[in-house]
N, C-alpha and C. Protein backbone atom coordinates (compact mmCIF):
# COMPACT_ATOMS: atom_id res chain seq x y z
N MET A 1 73.06 85.40 58.40
CA MET A 1 72.74 86.06 57.05
C MET A 1 74.40 86.73 56.64
N MET A 2 75.32 87.65 57.54
CA MET A 2 76.39 88.17 57.87
C MET A 2 77.27 87.39 57.40
N ARG A 3 77.70 85.83 57.93
CA ARG A 3 78.77 85.04 57.73
C ARG A 3 78.92 84.80 56.26
N MET A 4 77.48 84.72 55.67
CA MET A 4 77.39 84.27 54.47
C MET A 4 77.58 85.32 53.39
N LEU A 5 77.54 86.84 54.14
CA LEU A 5 77.61 87.92 53.18
C LEU A 5 79.31 88.15 53.24
N ARG A 6 79.67 87.52 54.53
CA ARG A 6 81.51 87.79 54.28
C ARG A 6 82.08 86.84 53.54
N SER A 7 81.74 85.48 53.79
CA SER A 7 82.05 84.30 52.81
C SER A 7 81.98 84.88 50.86
N ALA A 8 80.47 85.55 50.96
CA ALA A 8 81.00 86.43 49.43
C ALA A 8 81.35 86.46 48.85
N LEU A 9 82.18 87.82 49.85
CA LEU A 9 82.98 89.29 49.59
C LEU A 9 84.41 88.55 49.64
N ALA A 10 84.38 87.20 50.48
CA ALA A 10 86.01 87.01 49.99
C ALA A 10 85.94 86.30 49.72
N LEU A 11 85.02 85.04 48.95
CA LEU A 11 85.21 84.29 47.55
C LEU A 11 84.92 85.35 46.39
N LEU A 12 84.42 86.53 46.24
CA LEU A 12 84.36 87.59 45.09
C LEU A 12 86.16 88.25 45.01
N LEU A 13 86.42 88.73 46.21
CA LEU A 13 87.50 88.94 46.30
C LEU A 13 89.19 87.86 45.82
N ALA A 14 89.00 87.29 46.34
CA ALA A 14 89.59 86.12 45.88
C ALA A 14 89.73 85.89 44.49
N ALA A 15 88.76 85.51 43.94
CA ALA A 15 88.39 85.43 42.09
C ALA A 15 89.26 86.60 41.90
N ALA A 16 88.99 87.98 42.31
CA ALA A 16 89.53 89.24 41.96
C ALA A 16 90.81 89.17 41.69
N VAL A 17 91.50 88.90 42.62
CA VAL A 17 92.92 89.08 42.87
C VAL A 17 93.58 87.46 41.93
N LEU A 18 92.75 86.39 42.21
CA LEU A 18 92.86 85.94 41.22
C LEU A 18 93.05 85.56 39.49
N TYR A 19 92.24 86.32 39.24
CA TYR A 19 92.18 87.15 37.54
C TYR A 19 93.02 88.07 37.24
N GLY A 20 93.49 89.26 38.73
CA GLY A 20 94.49 89.80 38.03
C GLY A 20 95.76 89.41 38.20
N MET A 21 95.92 88.36 39.21
CA MET A 21 97.35 87.94 38.94
C MET A 21 97.07 87.00 37.34
N GLN A 22 96.48 86.18 37.32
CA GLN A 22 96.36 85.19 35.53
C GLN A 22 96.93 86.55 34.58
N HIS A 23 96.31 87.47 34.79
CA HIS A 23 96.16 88.49 33.38
C HIS A 23 97.58 89.25 33.18
N THR A 24 98.20 89.74 34.95
CA THR A 24 99.26 90.57 34.70
C THR A 24 100.59 89.98 34.93
N ARG A 25 101.04 88.61 35.06
CA ARG A 25 101.95 88.13 35.48
C ARG A 25 102.55 87.82 34.48
N PRO A 26 104.20 87.87 34.16
CA PRO A 26 104.70 87.89 33.20
C PRO A 26 104.89 86.59 32.45
N LEU A 27 105.06 86.52 31.13
CA LEU A 27 105.10 85.20 30.84
C LEU A 27 106.31 84.24 30.86
N TYR A 28 106.59 83.26 30.60
CA TYR A 28 107.65 82.35 31.26
C TYR A 28 108.72 82.84 30.41
N SER A 29 108.52 83.26 28.96
CA SER A 29 109.68 83.62 28.17
C SER A 29 109.61 84.90 28.58
N ASP A 30 109.09 85.75 29.07
CA ASP A 30 109.36 86.80 29.74
C ASP A 30 110.44 86.58 30.76
N ILE A 31 110.66 85.87 31.37
CA ILE A 31 111.03 85.83 33.04
C ILE A 31 112.57 85.39 32.08
N THR A 32 112.54 84.70 31.29
CA THR A 32 114.08 84.02 31.04
C THR A 32 114.33 84.30 29.70
N SER A 33 114.00 85.85 29.47
CA SER A 33 114.49 86.12 28.20
C SER A 33 115.73 86.81 29.03
N PRO A 34 116.74 87.34 27.73
CA PRO A 34 118.27 87.49 28.08
C PRO A 34 117.84 89.11 28.44
N ILE A 35 119.41 89.11 29.23
CA ILE A 35 119.12 90.74 29.74
C ILE A 35 119.91 91.71 28.11
N VAL A 36 118.96 92.75 28.27
CA VAL A 36 119.28 93.22 26.85
C VAL A 36 119.82 94.62 27.11
N ALA A 37 121.21 95.08 25.93
CA ALA A 37 121.26 96.40 26.32
C ALA A 37 121.56 96.89 25.40
N SER A 38 120.81 98.29 25.21
CA SER A 38 120.88 98.67 23.47
C SER A 38 121.35 100.05 23.32
N GLY A 39 121.53 100.12 21.91
CA GLY A 39 122.59 101.52 21.82
C GLY A 39 122.34 101.75 20.38
N GLY A 40 123.14 102.39 19.87
CA GLY A 40 123.03 103.04 18.46
C GLY A 40 124.21 103.05 17.79
N MET A 41 124.61 103.25 16.15
CA MET A 41 125.49 102.99 15.65
C MET A 41 126.53 104.08 16.34
N ASN A 42 127.78 103.75 15.91
CA ASN A 42 129.09 104.12 16.17
C ASN A 42 129.04 105.09 17.83
N LYS A 43 128.16 103.88 18.95
CA LYS A 43 128.72 104.68 20.12
C LYS A 43 129.24 102.94 20.93
N ARG A 44 129.50 102.97 22.01
CA ARG A 44 129.39 101.57 22.83
C ARG A 44 128.59 101.67 24.15
N VAL A 45 128.55 99.97 23.13
CA VAL A 45 127.03 99.57 24.35
C VAL A 45 127.81 98.23 24.84
N GLU A 46 127.69 98.75 26.67
CA GLU A 46 127.86 97.72 27.73
C GLU A 46 126.70 96.71 28.12
N ALA A 47 127.06 95.37 27.84
CA ALA A 47 126.44 94.71 28.69
C ALA A 47 127.58 94.30 30.13
N ARG A 48 126.99 93.71 30.94
CA ARG A 48 127.42 92.56 31.61
C ARG A 48 129.29 91.88 31.71
N ALA A 49 129.03 91.16 30.59
CA ALA A 49 130.27 89.83 29.93
C ALA A 49 130.59 91.31 29.09
N PHE A 50 130.79 91.75 28.08
CA PHE A 50 131.35 92.22 26.63
C PHE A 50 130.90 93.28 26.41
N ALA A 51 131.15 94.59 25.15
CA ALA A 51 130.87 95.18 25.10
C ALA A 51 130.99 95.39 23.32
N LEU A 52 130.68 95.95 22.55
CA LEU A 52 130.20 95.97 21.33
C LEU A 52 129.92 97.47 20.88
N SER A 53 130.66 97.76 19.64
CA SER A 53 130.60 99.03 19.05
C SER A 53 130.32 98.51 17.25
N LEU A 54 129.16 99.12 16.99
CA LEU A 54 129.33 99.21 15.14
C LEU A 54 129.42 100.60 14.11
N ASP A 55 130.75 100.55 13.44
CA ASP A 55 130.80 101.76 12.95
C ASP A 55 130.96 101.57 11.52
N SER A 56 130.53 100.56 11.05
CA SER A 56 129.87 100.51 9.66
C SER A 56 128.92 99.09 9.13
N VAL A 57 127.58 100.01 8.64
CA VAL A 57 126.74 98.79 7.74
C VAL A 57 127.00 98.68 6.25
N ARG A 58 126.90 98.10 5.61
CA ARG A 58 126.97 98.29 4.32
C ARG A 58 126.01 96.70 3.70
N VAL A 59 125.38 97.89 2.19
CA VAL A 59 124.60 96.60 1.86
C VAL A 59 125.20 96.37 0.45
N ALA A 60 124.60 94.85 0.03
CA ALA A 60 124.98 94.87 -1.20
C ALA A 60 124.68 93.73 -2.22
N ARG A 61 124.17 93.75 -3.06
CA ARG A 61 123.67 92.55 -4.16
C ARG A 61 124.28 91.74 -4.11
N VAL A 62 125.64 91.77 -4.51
CA VAL A 62 126.79 90.47 -4.93
C VAL A 62 127.79 90.65 -3.72
N LEU A 63 128.42 89.74 -2.93
CA LEU A 63 129.52 89.72 -2.10
C LEU A 63 130.77 88.68 -2.85
N ASN A 64 131.95 89.68 -2.84
CA ASN A 64 132.59 89.19 -3.84
C ASN A 64 133.77 88.63 -2.76
N VAL A 65 134.76 87.09 -2.27
CA VAL A 65 135.55 87.24 -1.48
C VAL A 65 136.53 86.76 -1.56
N GLU A 66 137.66 87.66 -1.73
CA GLU A 66 139.33 86.91 -2.24
C GLU A 66 139.98 86.68 -0.67
N THR A 67 140.27 85.35 -0.70
CA THR A 67 141.30 85.19 -0.09
C THR A 67 142.67 83.91 -0.08
N PHE A 68 143.71 83.96 -0.01
CA PHE A 68 144.49 83.62 0.03
C PHE A 68 144.93 83.70 -1.76
N GLY A 69 144.44 84.65 -2.52
CA GLY A 69 144.80 85.31 -4.23
C GLY A 69 143.60 84.68 -4.86
N LYS A 70 142.78 84.24 -4.27
CA LYS A 70 141.41 83.18 -5.16
C LYS A 70 139.90 84.02 -4.76
N SER A 71 139.15 84.23 -5.70
CA SER A 71 138.40 84.93 -5.29
C SER A 71 136.83 84.30 -6.06
N LYS A 72 135.88 84.46 -4.74
CA LYS A 72 134.65 84.01 -5.07
C LYS A 72 133.79 84.89 -4.96
N THR A 73 132.64 85.39 -5.95
CA THR A 73 131.53 85.33 -5.76
C THR A 73 129.70 84.50 -4.96
N TYR A 74 129.55 85.84 -4.53
CA TYR A 74 128.18 84.87 -3.81
C TYR A 74 127.22 85.70 -3.71
N THR A 75 126.15 85.56 -4.70
CA THR A 75 124.98 86.08 -5.22
C THR A 75 123.56 85.59 -3.81
N SER A 76 123.18 86.37 -3.95
CA SER A 76 121.92 86.01 -3.05
C SER A 76 120.48 86.59 -3.47
N SER A 77 119.06 86.21 -3.58
CA SER A 77 118.19 86.25 -4.28
C SER A 77 117.53 87.63 -3.20
N GLY A 78 118.38 87.57 -1.65
CA GLY A 78 118.25 88.81 -1.32
C GLY A 78 118.85 90.20 -1.86
N VAL A 79 119.95 90.09 -0.50
CA VAL A 79 121.12 91.63 -0.56
C VAL A 79 121.86 90.63 0.86
N TRP A 80 122.73 91.02 0.59
CA TRP A 80 123.67 91.21 1.71
C TRP A 80 124.17 92.12 2.58
N ILE A 81 124.25 92.08 3.98
CA ILE A 81 124.66 92.90 4.68
C ILE A 81 125.98 92.86 6.11
N VAL A 82 126.72 93.74 5.77
CA VAL A 82 128.06 94.00 6.05
C VAL A 82 128.04 94.26 7.01
N VAL A 83 128.87 94.16 8.15
CA VAL A 83 128.42 94.88 9.80
C VAL A 83 130.07 94.74 10.17
N GLU A 84 130.56 96.01 10.09
CA GLU A 84 131.87 95.98 11.44
C GLU A 84 132.14 96.98 12.01
N GLY A 85 132.48 96.12 13.36
CA GLY A 85 132.75 97.16 14.43
C GLY A 85 134.10 96.91 15.76
N ASP A 86 133.44 97.04 16.65
CA ASP A 86 134.88 96.53 17.66
C ASP A 86 133.93 96.01 18.53
N ALA A 87 134.77 94.70 19.43
CA ALA A 87 134.22 93.60 20.55
C ALA A 87 135.19 93.57 21.50
N GLU A 88 134.24 93.52 22.68
CA GLU A 88 135.97 92.82 23.64
C GLU A 88 135.11 92.48 24.73
N ALA A 89 135.71 91.00 25.38
CA ALA A 89 135.30 90.39 26.61
C ALA A 89 135.72 91.69 27.80
N LYS A 90 135.07 91.65 28.94
CA LYS A 90 135.19 92.83 30.35
C LYS A 90 135.38 92.34 31.24
N PHE A 91 135.59 91.20 31.65
CA PHE A 91 136.13 90.40 32.85
C PHE A 91 136.74 88.75 32.20
N GLU A 92 136.12 87.97 31.41
CA GLU A 92 136.86 86.94 31.48
C GLU A 92 136.78 86.55 29.24
N THR A 93 137.53 85.69 29.45
CA THR A 93 137.27 85.27 27.93
C THR A 93 136.20 84.82 27.53
N LEU A 94 135.94 85.29 26.25
CA LEU A 94 134.57 84.34 26.00
C LEU A 94 134.10 84.94 24.16
N GLY A 95 133.43 84.22 23.84
CA GLY A 95 133.38 83.98 22.70
C GLY A 95 131.82 84.41 22.40
N LEU A 96 131.88 85.06 21.32
CA LEU A 96 130.43 85.43 20.64
C LEU A 96 129.87 84.64 19.44
N THR A 97 129.19 83.83 19.64
CA THR A 97 128.77 82.68 18.70
C THR A 97 127.10 83.19 18.35
N ALA A 98 126.91 84.21 18.67
CA ALA A 98 124.69 84.24 18.09
C ALA A 98 124.73 86.31 17.48
N GLY A 99 124.71 85.83 16.29
CA GLY A 99 124.54 87.37 16.16
C GLY A 99 123.01 87.23 15.45
N GLU A 100 122.51 88.36 15.11
CA GLU A 100 121.32 88.65 14.34
C GLU A 100 121.02 89.71 14.14
N TRP A 101 120.08 89.86 12.41
CA TRP A 101 119.74 90.86 12.04
C TRP A 101 118.07 91.13 12.35
N LEU A 102 117.99 92.09 13.15
CA LEU A 102 116.48 92.12 13.72
C LEU A 102 115.68 92.91 12.97
N SER A 103 114.79 92.44 11.84
CA SER A 103 114.36 93.38 11.12
C SER A 103 113.39 94.49 11.99
N ARG A 104 112.77 95.75 11.33
CA ARG A 104 111.39 96.65 11.67
C ARG A 104 110.59 95.92 12.27
N SER A 105 109.85 94.33 11.07
CA SER A 105 108.65 93.67 11.33
C SER A 105 109.42 92.77 12.58
N GLY A 106 110.40 92.71 13.02
CA GLY A 106 110.54 92.02 14.31
C GLY A 106 110.70 90.26 13.63
N ILE A 107 111.16 90.14 12.43
CA ILE A 107 111.72 88.52 11.83
C ILE A 107 113.49 88.95 12.29
N ARG A 108 113.71 87.89 12.42
CA ARG A 108 115.16 87.90 13.03
C ARG A 108 116.03 86.63 11.23
N TYR A 109 116.85 87.21 11.46
CA TYR A 109 117.87 86.83 10.61
C TYR A 109 119.10 85.86 11.18
N VAL A 110 119.86 84.93 11.32
CA VAL A 110 121.05 85.04 11.61
C VAL A 110 121.87 84.69 10.60
N LEU A 111 123.40 84.68 11.23
CA LEU A 111 124.15 85.02 10.64
C LEU A 111 124.52 83.81 9.11
N THR A 112 124.81 84.68 8.20
CA THR A 112 125.07 83.74 6.92
C THR A 112 126.11 82.33 7.41
N ASP A 113 125.81 81.49 6.79
CA ASP A 113 126.78 80.42 7.26
C ASP A 113 127.23 79.99 5.68
N ARG A 114 127.58 80.66 4.70
CA ARG A 114 127.59 80.01 3.07
C ARG A 114 129.58 80.83 3.25
N LEU A 115 129.68 81.95 4.01
CA LEU A 115 130.67 82.18 4.07
C LEU A 115 132.32 82.06 5.45
N TRP A 116 131.25 82.08 6.37
CA TRP A 116 132.32 82.21 7.60
C TRP A 116 133.70 81.33 7.50
N ALA A 117 133.71 80.16 7.14
CA ALA A 117 134.88 79.39 7.08
C ALA A 117 136.23 79.72 6.20
N THR A 118 135.71 80.92 4.95
CA THR A 118 136.75 81.73 4.55
C THR A 118 137.29 83.02 4.39
N ILE A 119 136.50 83.09 5.90
CA ILE A 119 137.31 84.75 6.42
C ILE A 119 136.73 84.90 7.90
N GLU A 120 138.10 85.12 8.35
CA GLU A 120 137.09 85.16 9.63
C GLU A 120 136.78 86.08 10.49
N MET A 121 135.48 85.36 10.77
CA MET A 121 134.32 86.42 11.60
C MET A 121 134.11 86.03 12.43
N MET A 122 132.65 86.76 13.27
CA MET A 122 132.26 85.76 14.23
C MET A 122 130.88 85.04 13.56
N PRO A 123 130.97 83.86 13.88
CA PRO A 123 131.20 83.23 15.41
C PRO A 123 132.50 82.93 15.14
N GLY A 124 133.07 82.48 16.13
CA GLY A 124 134.36 81.52 15.67
C GLY A 124 136.06 82.48 16.57
N ASP A 125 135.45 83.74 16.68
CA ASP A 125 136.94 84.61 16.83
C ASP A 125 136.57 84.52 19.08
N VAL A 126 137.51 84.82 19.44
CA VAL A 126 137.15 84.41 20.72
C VAL A 126 137.94 86.05 21.67
N TYR A 127 137.51 86.76 22.48
CA TYR A 127 137.28 87.96 22.88
C TYR A 127 138.23 87.94 24.37
N GLN A 128 138.99 88.80 24.10
CA GLN A 128 139.70 89.22 25.83
C GLN A 128 139.35 90.22 26.43
N PRO A 129 139.69 90.26 28.46
CA PRO A 129 138.96 91.37 28.90
C PRO A 129 140.11 92.78 28.07
N ARG A 130 139.68 93.57 27.84
CA ARG A 130 140.23 94.68 27.50
C ARG A 130 141.22 95.49 26.36
N LEU A 131 140.73 93.78 25.35
CA LEU A 131 141.41 93.86 24.43
C LEU A 131 140.37 94.30 23.30
N PRO A 132 140.05 94.99 22.73
CA PRO A 132 139.07 94.90 21.75
C PRO A 132 139.52 94.71 20.41
N ARG A 133 138.40 94.00 19.69
CA ARG A 133 139.35 93.31 18.43
C ARG A 133 137.82 93.68 17.42
N ARG A 134 138.28 93.19 16.47
CA ARG A 134 137.34 94.03 15.14
C ARG A 134 136.50 92.85 15.12
N VAL A 135 134.85 93.08 14.80
CA VAL A 135 134.41 92.07 13.95
C VAL A 135 133.75 92.42 13.02
N LEU A 136 133.31 91.21 12.42
CA LEU A 136 132.79 91.36 11.72
C LEU A 136 131.79 90.34 11.04
N LEU A 137 130.35 90.73 10.52
CA LEU A 137 129.06 90.07 11.02
C LEU A 137 128.34 90.25 9.25
N VAL A 138 127.83 88.97 8.91
CA VAL A 138 127.43 89.10 7.19
C VAL A 138 126.04 88.18 7.72
N PHE A 139 125.09 89.08 7.88
CA PHE A 139 123.85 88.73 6.58
C PHE A 139 123.31 88.73 5.59
N GLU A 140 122.74 87.38 4.96
CA GLU A 140 122.01 87.34 4.09
C GLU A 140 120.55 87.64 4.01
N VAL A 141 119.90 88.49 3.48
CA VAL A 141 118.86 88.93 4.26
C VAL A 141 117.58 89.70 2.75
N PRO A 142 116.14 89.07 3.29
CA PRO A 142 115.80 89.91 1.88
C PRO A 142 115.69 91.59 1.79
N GLU A 143 115.81 92.11 0.34
CA GLU A 143 115.81 93.63 0.39
C GLU A 143 114.76 94.07 1.14
N ASP A 144 113.50 94.25 1.55
CA ASP A 144 111.96 94.49 2.49
C ASP A 144 112.88 94.64 4.35
N ALA A 145 113.76 93.57 4.34
CA ALA A 145 114.34 93.62 5.35
C ALA A 145 114.94 94.24 6.03
N VAL A 146 115.96 95.12 5.36
CA VAL A 146 117.07 96.68 5.89
C VAL A 146 116.28 96.73 6.26
N ALA A 147 115.79 98.24 5.67
CA ALA A 147 115.50 99.16 6.33
C ALA A 147 115.20 99.38 7.78
N GLY A 148 116.07 100.32 9.11
CA GLY A 148 115.41 99.87 10.25
C GLY A 148 116.00 99.33 10.92
N GLY A 149 117.09 98.45 10.49
CA GLY A 149 117.21 96.55 11.18
C GLY A 149 118.16 97.34 12.27
N THR A 150 118.21 96.24 13.37
CA THR A 150 118.54 96.15 14.40
C THR A 150 120.15 94.84 14.84
N VAL A 151 121.31 95.05 15.03
CA VAL A 151 121.98 93.65 15.11
C VAL A 151 121.91 93.66 16.45
N VAL A 152 121.74 92.18 16.76
CA VAL A 152 121.87 91.66 17.91
C VAL A 152 122.84 90.70 18.13
N VAL A 153 123.63 91.29 19.22
CA VAL A 153 125.30 90.43 19.39
C VAL A 153 124.83 89.58 20.83
N ALA A 154 124.94 87.97 21.23
CA ALA A 154 124.97 87.62 22.06
C ALA A 154 126.02 86.76 22.38
N PRO A 155 126.63 86.07 23.71
CA PRO A 155 127.95 84.96 23.77
C PRO A 155 127.05 83.78 23.30
N THR A 156 125.62 83.52 23.44
CA THR A 156 124.89 82.25 23.04
C THR A 156 123.66 82.34 22.88
N LYS A 157 122.40 82.09 21.95
CA LYS A 157 121.16 81.84 22.43
C LYS A 157 120.95 80.76 23.15
N LEU A 158 121.53 80.38 24.14
CA LEU A 158 121.49 78.83 24.77
C LEU A 158 120.82 79.18 26.28
N LEU A 159 121.32 80.36 26.58
CA LEU A 159 121.32 80.12 28.03
C LEU A 159 120.34 81.39 28.49
N PRO A 160 119.42 80.89 29.18
CA PRO A 160 118.51 81.99 29.71
C PRO A 160 119.28 83.09 30.69
N LEU A 161 118.78 84.07 31.03
CA LEU A 161 119.33 85.38 31.47
C LEU A 161 120.75 85.61 31.36
N ASP A 162 121.29 85.56 29.79
CA ASP A 162 122.69 86.01 29.57
C ASP A 162 122.58 86.92 29.23
N ASP A 163 123.60 87.84 28.21
CA ASP A 163 123.72 89.06 27.88
C ASP A 163 123.36 89.33 26.03
N GLU A 164 122.70 90.58 26.00
CA GLU A 164 122.60 90.51 24.55
C GLU A 164 122.54 92.17 24.27
N ILE A 165 123.03 92.35 23.01
CA ILE A 165 123.50 93.48 22.93
C ILE A 165 122.23 93.78 21.25
N ARG A 166 121.71 95.04 21.81
CA ARG A 166 121.08 95.30 20.32
C ARG A 166 121.60 96.89 20.05
N ILE A 167 122.16 96.91 18.69
CA ILE A 167 122.39 98.17 17.99
C ILE A 167 121.37 98.46 16.85
N ALA A 168 120.66 99.64 16.92
CA ALA A 168 119.72 99.89 16.19
C ALA A 168 120.60 100.80 15.18
N THR A 169 120.94 100.34 13.76
CA THR A 169 121.46 101.08 12.78
C THR A 169 120.36 101.85 12.20
N THR A 170 121.00 102.69 10.94
CA THR A 170 120.78 103.63 10.28
C THR A 170 120.59 103.62 9.06
N VAL A 171 120.97 101.70 8.17
CA VAL A 171 120.67 101.95 7.10
C VAL A 171 119.08 101.90 6.42
N SER A 172 118.87 102.77 5.24
CA SER A 172 117.64 102.94 5.09
C SER A 172 117.04 102.23 4.12
N GLY A 173 118.36 101.08 3.61
CA GLY A 173 117.19 100.00 2.56
C GLY A 173 117.53 100.82 0.77
N LYS A 174 117.80 102.01 0.90
CA LYS A 174 117.94 102.97 -0.09
C LYS A 174 119.54 102.97 -0.87
N ASP A 175 120.12 102.51 -0.18
CA ASP A 175 121.49 102.82 -0.07
C ASP A 175 122.20 101.20 -0.64
N ILE A 176 121.49 100.73 -1.46
CA ILE A 176 122.36 99.49 -1.63
C ILE A 176 123.51 99.13 -3.23
N GLU A 177 124.61 99.29 -2.22
CA GLU A 177 125.44 98.95 -3.73
C GLU A 177 125.31 98.01 -4.06
N PRO A 178 125.98 97.96 -5.99
CA PRO A 178 126.23 96.66 -6.86
C PRO A 178 127.21 95.55 -6.32
N ALA A 179 128.30 95.75 -5.51
CA ALA A 179 128.92 94.71 -5.08
C ALA A 179 129.42 95.26 -4.05
N ILE A 180 129.99 94.50 -3.17
CA ILE A 180 131.21 94.74 -1.65
C ILE A 180 131.97 93.50 -2.05
N THR A 181 133.59 93.87 -1.79
CA THR A 181 134.64 93.11 -1.56
C THR A 181 134.97 92.44 -0.34
N ILE A 182 135.00 91.81 0.02
CA ILE A 182 136.14 91.01 1.64
C ILE A 182 137.30 90.67 1.39
N ARG A 183 138.22 91.42 1.15
CA ARG A 183 139.54 90.47 1.58
C ARG A 183 139.77 90.23 2.19
N ARG A 184 141.09 89.18 2.51
CA ARG A 184 141.55 88.76 3.76
C ARG A 184 142.91 89.46 3.67
N ASN A 185 143.49 90.32 4.90
CA ASN A 185 144.51 90.39 5.06
C ASN A 185 145.42 89.18 6.11
N GLN A 186 146.76 89.93 5.81
CA GLN A 186 147.87 88.76 6.41
C GLN A 186 147.96 89.68 8.14
N GLU A 187 147.89 90.44 7.97
CA GLU A 187 147.46 91.14 9.56
C GLU A 187 146.39 91.40 10.10
N ARG A 188 146.62 92.18 11.09
CA ARG A 188 144.98 92.78 12.11
C ARG A 188 144.63 93.96 11.31
N PRO A 189 143.37 94.09 11.10
CA PRO A 189 142.29 93.36 10.98
C PRO A 189 142.39 92.35 9.60
N PRO A 190 141.97 91.39 9.84
CA PRO A 190 141.88 89.77 9.55
C PRO A 190 141.38 90.16 7.71
N TRP A 191 140.56 91.55 7.74
CA TRP A 191 139.79 92.05 6.32
C TRP A 191 139.97 93.37 6.08
N THR A 192 139.98 93.41 4.73
CA THR A 192 139.13 94.60 4.46
C THR A 192 138.11 94.80 3.22
N VAL A 193 137.17 95.42 3.44
CA VAL A 193 136.26 95.43 3.17
C VAL A 193 136.10 96.85 1.88
N LEU A 194 136.04 96.65 0.84
CA LEU A 194 136.30 97.51 -0.32
C LEU A 194 134.69 97.50 -1.44
N PRO A 195 134.86 98.36 -1.89
CA PRO A 195 135.18 99.72 -1.88
C PRO A 195 135.34 100.48 -0.65
N GLN A 196 136.59 100.55 -0.15
CA GLN A 196 136.39 101.59 1.36
C GLN A 196 135.49 103.18 0.87
N ARG A 197 135.24 103.68 2.12
CA ARG A 197 134.59 104.95 1.82
C ARG A 197 135.40 106.02 2.98
């Protein structure tokens, strides 16, 4: 009788342990998710391999790009978000190829591919250790995704356990400009955002 009681208690204890392990273990996506460093605007945020600071976020309905004496106007059914800042590698040369706008509701919008060939912007730049460079990120998002958005930058989205920097922005979604112009420069930084503030 005592042996059966011990066996039943051991079986119940094993079932409770297995149940607890099943409901408290992290998901595979959590185990292999990026290593996130977070911060705010106008602050240097450091990950293991690179650092990033953002100093300007502007929102406009129309985006004009001036390159080599020609001007092209880009319209959108949403709005354009133009983000400027500084990025640098910490220990070795690297490229930053993944940039996203993370809305307050959790929807992610990748960098626009509509104009990056006409102006030098991320992705495509290579960053050197201890040599900060200006970074330009342009997103095309719905108007309701602007307020409370976060900029997410990583070397790549393909590698698990890689660095990722998230910078919370201070845009409210109410200060939308009618138009912004990005003008290509011959020297550094390779662009100017107009009208200047």
